[in-house]
Amino acid sequence: MRTNTCPKCQGSMVQGFMLEENQGLKSVSSWVEGAPVKGWFGVKLGRQAKYEIQTWRCGRCGFLESYAKG
């Protein structure tokens, strides 16, 4: 279970998210199970598990802590 205290410097952690931008579209980054398989138009996606990434940032030292909850 996470706390709102930075594990590196004990500063305050603030919730945020990792932003993906592609040709004007904005979305939240995702974690995908398995190794990436490159295709002609980028990475091929099958039926692997996919989870949005939740990220916390320390306001003091900038440390990022990310979770991909299922």
C-alpha atoms as a PDB file:
ATOM      1  CA  MET A   1       0.000   0.000   0.000  1.00  0.00           C
ATOM      2  CA  ARG A   2       1.378   3.409  -0.929  1.00  0.00           C
ATOM      3  CA  THR A   3       1.726   6.427   1.312  1.00  0.00           C
ATOM      4  CA  ASN A   4       1.912  10.114   0.399  1.00  0.00           C
ATOM      5  CA  THR A   5       5.539  10.275   1.591  1.00  0.00           C
ATOM      6  CA  CYS A   6       8.485  10.004  -0.821  1.00  0.00           C
ATOM      7  CA  PRO A   7      10.615   6.888  -0.124  1.00  0.00           C
ATOM      8  CA  LYS A   8      13.768   8.807  -1.178  1.00  0.00           C
ATOM      9  CA  CYS A   9      13.578  12.150   0.692  1.00  0.00           C
ATOM     10  CA  GLN A  10      10.336  11.983   2.753  1.00  0.00           C
ATOM     11  CA  GLY A  11       8.805  14.865   0.760  1.00  0.00           C
ATOM     12  CA  SER A  12       5.106  14.951  -0.202  1.00  0.00           C
ATOM     13  CA  MET A  13       3.957  12.818  -3.151  1.00  0.00           C
ATOM     14  CA  VAL A  14       1.278  14.163  -5.529  1.00  0.00           C
ATOM     15  CA  GLN A  15      -0.791  11.941  -7.831  1.00  0.00           C
ATOM     16  CA  GLY A  16      -0.590  12.596 -11.577  1.00  0.00           C
ATOM     17  CA  PHE A  17      -0.296  10.626 -14.824  1.00  0.00           C
ATOM     18  CA  MET A  18       2.062   9.992 -17.732  1.00  0.00           C
ATOM     19  CA  LEU A  19       0.763  11.731 -20.868  1.00  0.00           C
ATOM     20  CA  GLU A  20       1.033  10.196 -24.347  1.00  0.00           C
ATOM     21  CA  GLU A  21       0.738  12.553 -27.323  1.00  0.00           C
ATOM     22  CA  ASN A  22       0.490  11.288 -30.899  1.00  0.00           C
ATOM     23  CA  GLN A  23      -0.687  13.390 -33.853  1.00  0.00           C
ATOM     24  CA  GLY A  24      -2.683  15.716 -31.609  1.00  0.00           C
ATOM     25  CA  LEU A  25      -4.341  12.933 -29.591  1.00  0.00           C
ATOM     26  CA  LYS A  26      -3.677  12.852 -25.863  1.00  0.00           C
ATOM     27  CA  SER A  27      -4.073   9.774 -23.649  1.00  0.00           C
ATOM     28  CA  VAL A  28      -2.858   8.169 -20.424  1.00  0.00           C
ATOM     29  CA  SER A  29       0.120   5.795 -20.777  1.00  0.00           C
ATOM     30  CA  SER A  30      -0.523   2.073 -20.386  1.00  0.00           C
ATOM     31  CA  TRP A  31       1.539  -0.914 -19.275  1.00  0.00           C
ATOM     32  CA  VAL A  32       1.219  -3.968 -21.555  1.00  0.00           C
ATOM     33  CA  GLU A  33       2.167  -7.500 -20.512  1.00  0.00           C
ATOM     34  CA  GLY A  34       5.016  -9.177 -22.435  1.00  0.00           C
ATOM     35  CA  ALA A  35       7.811  -8.022 -24.722  1.00  0.00           C
ATOM     36  CA  PRO A  36       6.966  -5.552 -27.525  1.00  0.00           C
ATOM     37  CA  VAL A  37       6.564  -7.007 -31.021  1.00  0.00           C
ATOM     38  CA  LYS A  38       7.326  -4.489 -33.750  1.00  0.00           C
ATOM     39  CA  GLY A  39       5.037  -4.318 -36.764  1.00  0.00           C
ATOM     40  CA  TRP A  40       4.861  -2.222 -39.922  1.00  0.00           C
ATOM     41  CA  PHE A  41       2.715   0.471 -38.223  1.00  0.00           C
ATOM     42  CA  GLY A  42       4.281   0.344 -34.753  1.00  0.00           C
ATOM     43  CA  VAL A  43       3.911  -2.160 -31.927  1.00  0.00           C
ATOM     44  CA  LYS A  44       1.537  -5.081 -32.490  1.00  0.00           C
ATOM     45  CA  LEU A  45      -1.027  -5.659 -29.757  1.00  0.00           C
ATOM     46  CA  GLY A  46      -2.730  -8.979 -29.233  1.00  0.00           C
ATOM     47  CA  ARG A  47      -4.826  -9.947 -26.248  1.00  0.00           C
ATOM     48  CA  GLN A  48      -2.193  -9.090 -23.640  1.00  0.00           C
ATOM     49  CA  ALA A  49      -3.265  -7.574 -20.343  1.00  0.00           C
ATOM     50  CA  LYS A  50      -3.191  -3.757 -20.520  1.00  0.00           C
ATOM     51  CA  TYR A  51      -3.406  -1.367 -17.553  1.00  0.00           C
ATOM     52  CA  GLU A  52      -3.397   2.424 -17.253  1.00  0.00           C
ATOM     53  CA  ILE A  53      -0.346   3.689 -15.374  1.00  0.00           C
ATOM     54  CA  GLN A  54      -0.927   5.674 -12.176  1.00  0.00           C
ATOM     55  CA  THR A  55       2.031   7.874 -11.222  1.00  0.00           C
ATOM     56  CA  TRP A  56       3.000   9.823  -8.103  1.00  0.00           C
ATOM     57  CA  ARG A  57       5.665  12.597  -8.063  1.00  0.00           C
ATOM     58  CA  CYS A  58       7.626  13.998  -5.128  1.00  0.00           C
ATOM     59  CA  GLY A  59       7.364  17.789  -4.933  1.00  0.00           C
ATOM     60  CA  ARG A  60      10.765  18.001  -3.219  1.00  0.00           C
ATOM     61  CA  CYS A  61      13.131  15.738  -5.226  1.00  0.00           C
ATOM     62  CA  GLY A  62      11.055  14.882  -8.336  1.00  0.00           C
ATOM     63  CA  PHE A  63      11.107  11.098  -7.754  1.00  0.00           C
ATOM     64  CA  LEU A  64       8.384   9.279  -9.758  1.00  0.00           C
ATOM     65  CA  GLU A  65       6.610   6.155  -8.507  1.00  0.00           C
ATOM     66  CA  SER A  66       4.300   4.327 -10.930  1.00  0.00           C
ATOM     67  CA  TYR A  67       1.681   1.592 -10.545  1.00  0.00           C
ATOM     68  CA  ALA A  68      -0.279  -0.456 -13.084  1.00  0.00           C
ATOM     69  CA  LYS A  69      -3.224  -1.721 -11.043  1.00  0.00           C
ATOM     70  CA  GLY A  70      -5.449  -4.364 -12.573  1.00  0.00           C
END
